[in-house]
Amino acid sequence: MEKFGVTLILPECAFVAELQRDAILDMVRDIDERLTEQGAPEEAEMRRDLMVRNALSLSHLLALKEIDHESGIADIALCFIYAFGKVIGFDQIETLRGLTGTYLRNRLNLNPCLGSDEFEQETLILQQKMIDHADTDFERDWTDDRLRPSIH
């Protein structure tokens, strides 16, 4: 597996991204070190929440077209990879094909996908939701009747 996939639906944007797997661990560890240097709390849940807020700020800027689309999506994806990895352990990221999930109504729901089939199935489900809600408000109109694990 060369790529790590991320499929997310956020209040202001939704996307599917594929990141280079070989660089992810170094990037999330670098983020962790920078947060420590900046005096961020060490608790995993607090850092997770900090990175989710950062991702939401980036998605807002992306929706306003104030940041580059491609790098903005990569940065948002990395924020969520970091948030997930901080809670379960960064080394666990290497075992996954990707993450799918949502952050809607102030609730984080990230689903780790071990294999390509699982990632593709979860991505197709979320992409259909993206299409179904393309002209509506994700926050207001979102329903997901399938219960899945979450790190929140």
Foldseek 3Di string as FASTA:
>chain_A
DQWAWEWEAEQQDTDIDTDGPVCLLVVLVVVVVVCVVVPQDLDLQSLLVVLQVVLVVLSVCVSVVVDDVVVSVVSSQSSNLSSVCSQVPSVVSVQFSYWYWYCEPNDTFIDTHRDPVRVVVRNVVVVVVCVVQVPHGCRPPPDDPDDDDGPD
